[in-house]
Amino acid sequence: MYTYKTKGTCSTQIDLELDGNIVKNVKFYGGCHGNLQAIPKLVEGMTVEEIEQRIGGIKCGYKNTSCGDQLAKAVREAYEASK
């Protein structure tokens, strides 16, 4: 299990697991309840690279980041830490 402390979002933490570069068991803490249930279901089984390409860089309103963008950063950080 890898824990990432988010920056600049309503959610405060993301927990996730990796199987090589495959992402699984994503869990957000805090934030918009509906979105934070949907995102983990949508990214389950995707690679780190797929998540970065699809949701990295997304902004939420006036913020420079979003929960999806923070997840893209989290999976990359977790992957690099696992090497």
N, C-alpha and C. Protein backbone atom coordinates (compact mmCIF):
# COMPACT_ATOMS: atom_id res chain seq x y z
N MET A 1 0.85 -1.18 0.00
CA MET A 1 0.00 0.00 0.00
C MET A 1 0.89 1.23 0.00
N TYR A 2 0.59 2.18 -0.88
CA TYR A 2 1.33 3.43 -0.95
C TYR A 2 0.37 4.55 -0.56
N THR A 3 0.83 5.47 0.28
CA THR A 3 0.02 6.60 0.73
C THR A 3 0.61 7.88 0.18
N TYR A 4 -0.25 8.69 -0.44
CA TYR A 4 0.16 9.97 -1.02
C TYR A 4 -0.68 11.06 -0.37
N LYS A 5 -0.02 12.08 0.16
CA LYS A 5 -0.70 13.24 0.74
C LYS A 5 -0.92 14.25 -0.38
N THR A 6 -2.18 14.52 -0.69
CA THR A 6 -2.51 15.41 -1.80
C THR A 6 -2.17 16.86 -1.47
N LYS A 7 -2.03 17.65 -2.51
CA LYS A 7 -1.71 19.06 -2.39
C LYS A 7 -2.67 19.87 -3.27
N GLY A 8 -3.39 20.81 -2.66
CA GLY A 8 -4.23 21.71 -3.44
C GLY A 8 -5.60 21.18 -3.81
N THR A 9 -6.06 20.12 -3.15
CA THR A 9 -7.39 19.57 -3.44
C THR A 9 -8.18 19.40 -2.15
N CYS A 10 -9.48 19.18 -2.32
CA CYS A 10 -10.34 18.92 -1.16
C CYS A 10 -9.99 17.58 -0.52
N SER A 11 -9.64 16.60 -1.34
CA SER A 11 -9.20 15.32 -0.78
C SER A 11 -7.84 15.54 -0.13
N THR A 12 -7.54 14.78 0.90
CA THR A 12 -6.31 14.99 1.66
C THR A 12 -5.30 13.87 1.50
N GLN A 13 -5.76 12.71 1.05
CA GLN A 13 -4.88 11.55 0.96
C GLN A 13 -5.41 10.57 -0.06
N ILE A 14 -4.47 9.87 -0.72
CA ILE A 14 -4.81 8.78 -1.63
C ILE A 14 -3.98 7.57 -1.22
N ASP A 15 -4.64 6.43 -1.04
CA ASP A 15 -3.95 5.16 -0.84
C ASP A 15 -4.12 4.34 -2.11
N LEU A 16 -3.09 3.61 -2.49
CA LEU A 16 -3.17 2.78 -3.69
C LEU A 16 -2.18 1.65 -3.61
N GLU A 17 -2.39 0.66 -4.45
CA GLU A 17 -1.47 -0.45 -4.58
C GLU A 17 -1.06 -0.56 -6.03
N LEU A 18 0.14 -1.07 -6.25
CA LEU A 18 0.65 -1.33 -7.60
C LEU A 18 1.01 -2.80 -7.72
N ASP A 19 0.75 -3.34 -8.90
CA ASP A 19 1.23 -4.66 -9.29
C ASP A 19 2.08 -4.41 -10.52
N GLY A 20 3.37 -4.20 -10.32
CA GLY A 20 4.22 -3.71 -11.41
C GLY A 20 3.84 -2.28 -11.69
N ASN A 21 3.34 -2.02 -12.91
CA ASN A 21 2.86 -0.66 -13.22
C ASN A 21 1.34 -0.61 -13.34
N ILE A 22 0.67 -1.65 -12.86
CA ILE A 22 -0.80 -1.72 -12.87
C ILE A 22 -1.33 -1.21 -11.53
N VAL A 23 -2.28 -0.28 -11.61
CA VAL A 23 -2.83 0.36 -10.41
C VAL A 23 -4.07 -0.38 -9.94
N LYS A 24 -4.16 -0.57 -8.61
CA LYS A 24 -5.34 -1.21 -8.05
C LYS A 24 -5.59 -0.68 -6.64
N ASN A 25 -6.79 -0.92 -6.15
CA ASN A 25 -7.19 -0.57 -4.78
C ASN A 25 -6.93 0.90 -4.42
N VAL A 26 -7.42 1.80 -5.28
CA VAL A 26 -7.27 3.24 -5.02
C VAL A 26 -8.36 3.67 -4.05
N LYS A 27 -7.97 4.47 -3.05
CA LYS A 27 -8.92 5.00 -2.09
C LYS A 27 -8.55 6.45 -1.77
N PHE A 28 -9.54 7.34 -1.93
CA PHE A 28 -9.37 8.75 -1.60
C PHE A 28 -9.96 9.02 -0.22
N TYR A 29 -9.42 10.02 0.45
CA TYR A 29 -9.95 10.48 1.74
C TYR A 29 -10.27 11.96 1.60
N GLY A 30 -11.51 12.31 1.96
CA GLY A 30 -11.96 13.69 1.83
C GLY A 30 -12.36 13.98 0.38
N GLY A 31 -12.96 15.14 0.17
CA GLY A 31 -13.34 15.54 -1.19
C GLY A 31 -14.77 15.18 -1.53
N CYS A 32 -15.09 15.31 -2.81
CA CYS A 32 -16.44 15.07 -3.32
C CYS A 32 -16.73 13.57 -3.36
N HIS A 33 -17.63 13.14 -2.53
CA HIS A 33 -17.88 11.72 -2.32
C HIS A 33 -18.16 10.94 -3.61
N GLY A 34 -19.02 11.46 -4.46
CA GLY A 34 -19.37 10.74 -5.69
C GLY A 34 -18.18 10.58 -6.63
N ASN A 35 -17.47 11.67 -6.87
CA ASN A 35 -16.31 11.61 -7.76
C ASN A 35 -15.24 10.68 -7.21
N LEU A 36 -15.08 10.71 -5.90
CA LEU A 36 -14.01 9.91 -5.32
C LEU A 36 -14.36 8.43 -5.19
N GLN A 37 -15.60 8.09 -5.45
CA GLN A 37 -15.98 6.69 -5.61
C GLN A 37 -15.80 6.27 -7.06
N ALA A 38 -16.08 7.21 -7.99
CA ALA A 38 -16.02 6.90 -9.41
C ALA A 38 -14.58 6.75 -9.92
N ILE A 39 -13.72 7.67 -9.54
CA ILE A 39 -12.34 7.65 -10.06
C ILE A 39 -11.67 6.30 -9.81
N PRO A 40 -11.69 5.77 -8.58
CA PRO A 40 -11.03 4.47 -8.38
C PRO A 40 -11.59 3.36 -9.27
N LYS A 41 -12.89 3.35 -9.49
CA LYS A 41 -13.49 2.31 -10.34
C LYS A 41 -13.03 2.47 -11.79
N LEU A 42 -12.87 3.71 -12.24
CA LEU A 42 -12.47 3.95 -13.62
C LEU A 42 -11.00 3.62 -13.88
N VAL A 43 -10.14 3.81 -12.89
CA VAL A 43 -8.71 3.59 -13.11
C VAL A 43 -8.23 2.20 -12.71
N GLU A 44 -9.06 1.44 -12.04
CA GLU A 44 -8.68 0.08 -11.62
C GLU A 44 -8.17 -0.72 -12.80
N GLY A 45 -6.95 -1.25 -12.69
CA GLY A 45 -6.38 -2.08 -13.75
C GLY A 45 -5.64 -1.31 -14.82
N MET A 46 -5.65 0.01 -14.77
CA MET A 46 -4.92 0.81 -15.75
C MET A 46 -3.45 0.87 -15.36
N THR A 47 -2.61 1.19 -16.33
CA THR A 47 -1.19 1.37 -16.04
C THR A 47 -0.95 2.80 -15.53
N VAL A 48 0.19 2.97 -14.91
CA VAL A 48 0.60 4.29 -14.45
C VAL A 48 0.57 5.27 -15.62
N GLU A 49 1.10 4.86 -16.76
CA GLU A 49 1.17 5.72 -17.94
C GLU A 49 -0.22 6.10 -18.46
N GLU A 50 -1.13 5.14 -18.48
CA GLU A 50 -2.50 5.43 -18.94
C GLU A 50 -3.16 6.47 -18.05
N ILE A 51 -2.99 6.34 -16.75
CA ILE A 51 -3.59 7.30 -15.81
C ILE A 51 -2.97 8.68 -16.02
N GLU A 52 -1.67 8.74 -16.17
CA GLU A 52 -1.02 10.03 -16.41
C GLU A 52 -1.54 10.69 -17.69
N GLN A 53 -1.68 9.91 -18.75
CA GLN A 53 -2.15 10.44 -20.03
C GLN A 53 -3.60 10.90 -19.97
N ARG A 54 -4.44 10.15 -19.30
CA ARG A 54 -5.88 10.44 -19.30
C ARG A 54 -6.31 11.52 -18.32
N ILE A 55 -5.74 11.53 -17.12
CA ILE A 55 -6.25 12.48 -16.12
C ILE A 55 -5.19 13.40 -15.52
N GLY A 56 -3.93 13.20 -15.90
CA GLY A 56 -2.89 14.12 -15.45
C GLY A 56 -3.14 15.50 -16.06
N GLY A 57 -2.94 16.54 -15.28
CA GLY A 57 -3.09 17.90 -15.78
C GLY A 57 -4.50 18.48 -15.71
N ILE A 58 -5.48 17.67 -15.32
CA ILE A 58 -6.85 18.19 -15.19
C ILE A 58 -6.91 19.16 -14.01
N LYS A 59 -7.59 20.27 -14.22
CA LYS A 59 -7.75 21.27 -13.17
C LYS A 59 -9.18 21.25 -12.66
N CYS A 60 -9.36 21.63 -11.40
CA CYS A 60 -10.68 21.69 -10.78
C CYS A 60 -11.01 23.15 -10.49
N GLY A 61 -11.93 23.73 -11.24
CA GLY A 61 -12.31 25.12 -11.04
C GLY A 61 -11.12 26.04 -11.14
N TYR A 62 -10.91 26.85 -10.14
CA TYR A 62 -9.82 27.82 -10.12
C TYR A 62 -8.50 27.22 -9.64
N LYS A 63 -8.51 25.97 -9.22
CA LYS A 63 -7.31 25.32 -8.69
C LYS A 63 -6.39 24.89 -9.84
N ASN A 64 -5.11 24.79 -9.56
CA ASN A 64 -4.14 24.36 -10.57
C ASN A 64 -4.02 22.84 -10.66
N THR A 65 -4.85 22.13 -9.92
CA THR A 65 -4.79 20.67 -9.89
C THR A 65 -6.21 20.15 -9.64
N SER A 66 -6.36 18.86 -9.56
CA SER A 66 -7.64 18.21 -9.26
C SER A 66 -7.34 16.88 -8.60
N CYS A 67 -8.37 16.21 -8.14
CA CYS A 67 -8.16 14.88 -7.55
C CYS A 67 -7.58 13.91 -8.57
N GLY A 68 -8.04 14.00 -9.81
CA GLY A 68 -7.49 13.15 -10.87
C GLY A 68 -6.03 13.44 -11.13
N ASP A 69 -5.68 14.72 -11.20
CA ASP A 69 -4.30 15.13 -11.40
C ASP A 69 -3.43 14.66 -10.25
N GLN A 70 -3.95 14.79 -9.03
CA GLN A 70 -3.20 14.32 -7.86
C GLN A 70 -3.01 12.81 -7.91
N LEU A 71 -4.01 12.08 -8.40
CA LEU A 71 -3.86 10.63 -8.54
C LEU A 71 -2.77 10.31 -9.55
N ALA A 72 -2.72 11.04 -10.66
CA ALA A 72 -1.66 10.82 -11.65
C ALA A 72 -0.29 11.02 -11.02
N LYS A 73 -0.14 12.05 -10.19
CA LYS A 73 1.12 12.29 -9.50
C LYS A 73 1.40 11.17 -8.49
N ALA A 74 0.37 10.72 -7.80
CA ALA A 74 0.52 9.67 -6.78
C ALA A 74 0.98 8.36 -7.40
N VAL A 75 0.38 7.97 -8.51
CA VAL A 75 0.76 6.68 -9.11
C VAL A 75 2.18 6.73 -9.64
N ARG A 76 2.59 7.87 -10.18
CA ARG A 76 3.98 8.00 -10.66
C ARG A 76 4.95 7.92 -9.48
N GLU A 77 4.63 8.64 -8.41
CA GLU A 77 5.50 8.62 -7.22
C GLU A 77 5.59 7.21 -6.64
N ALA A 78 4.47 6.52 -6.57
CA ALA A 78 4.45 5.15 -6.05
C ALA A 78 5.27 4.22 -6.94
N TYR A 79 5.12 4.38 -8.24
CA TYR A 79 5.85 3.54 -9.19
C TYR A 79 7.36 3.76 -9.06
N GLU A 80 7.76 5.02 -8.99
CA GLU A 80 9.20 5.33 -8.87
C GLU A 80 9.74 4.80 -7.54
N ALA A 81 8.96 4.89 -6.48
CA ALA A 81 9.39 4.40 -5.17
C ALA A 81 9.52 2.87 -5.15
N SER A 82 8.78 2.20 -6.03
CA SER A 82 8.80 0.72 -6.04
C SER A 82 9.98 0.14 -6.82
N LYS A 83 10.69 0.97 -7.53
CA LYS A 83 11.82 0.47 -8.34
C LYS A 83 13.01 0.10 -7.48
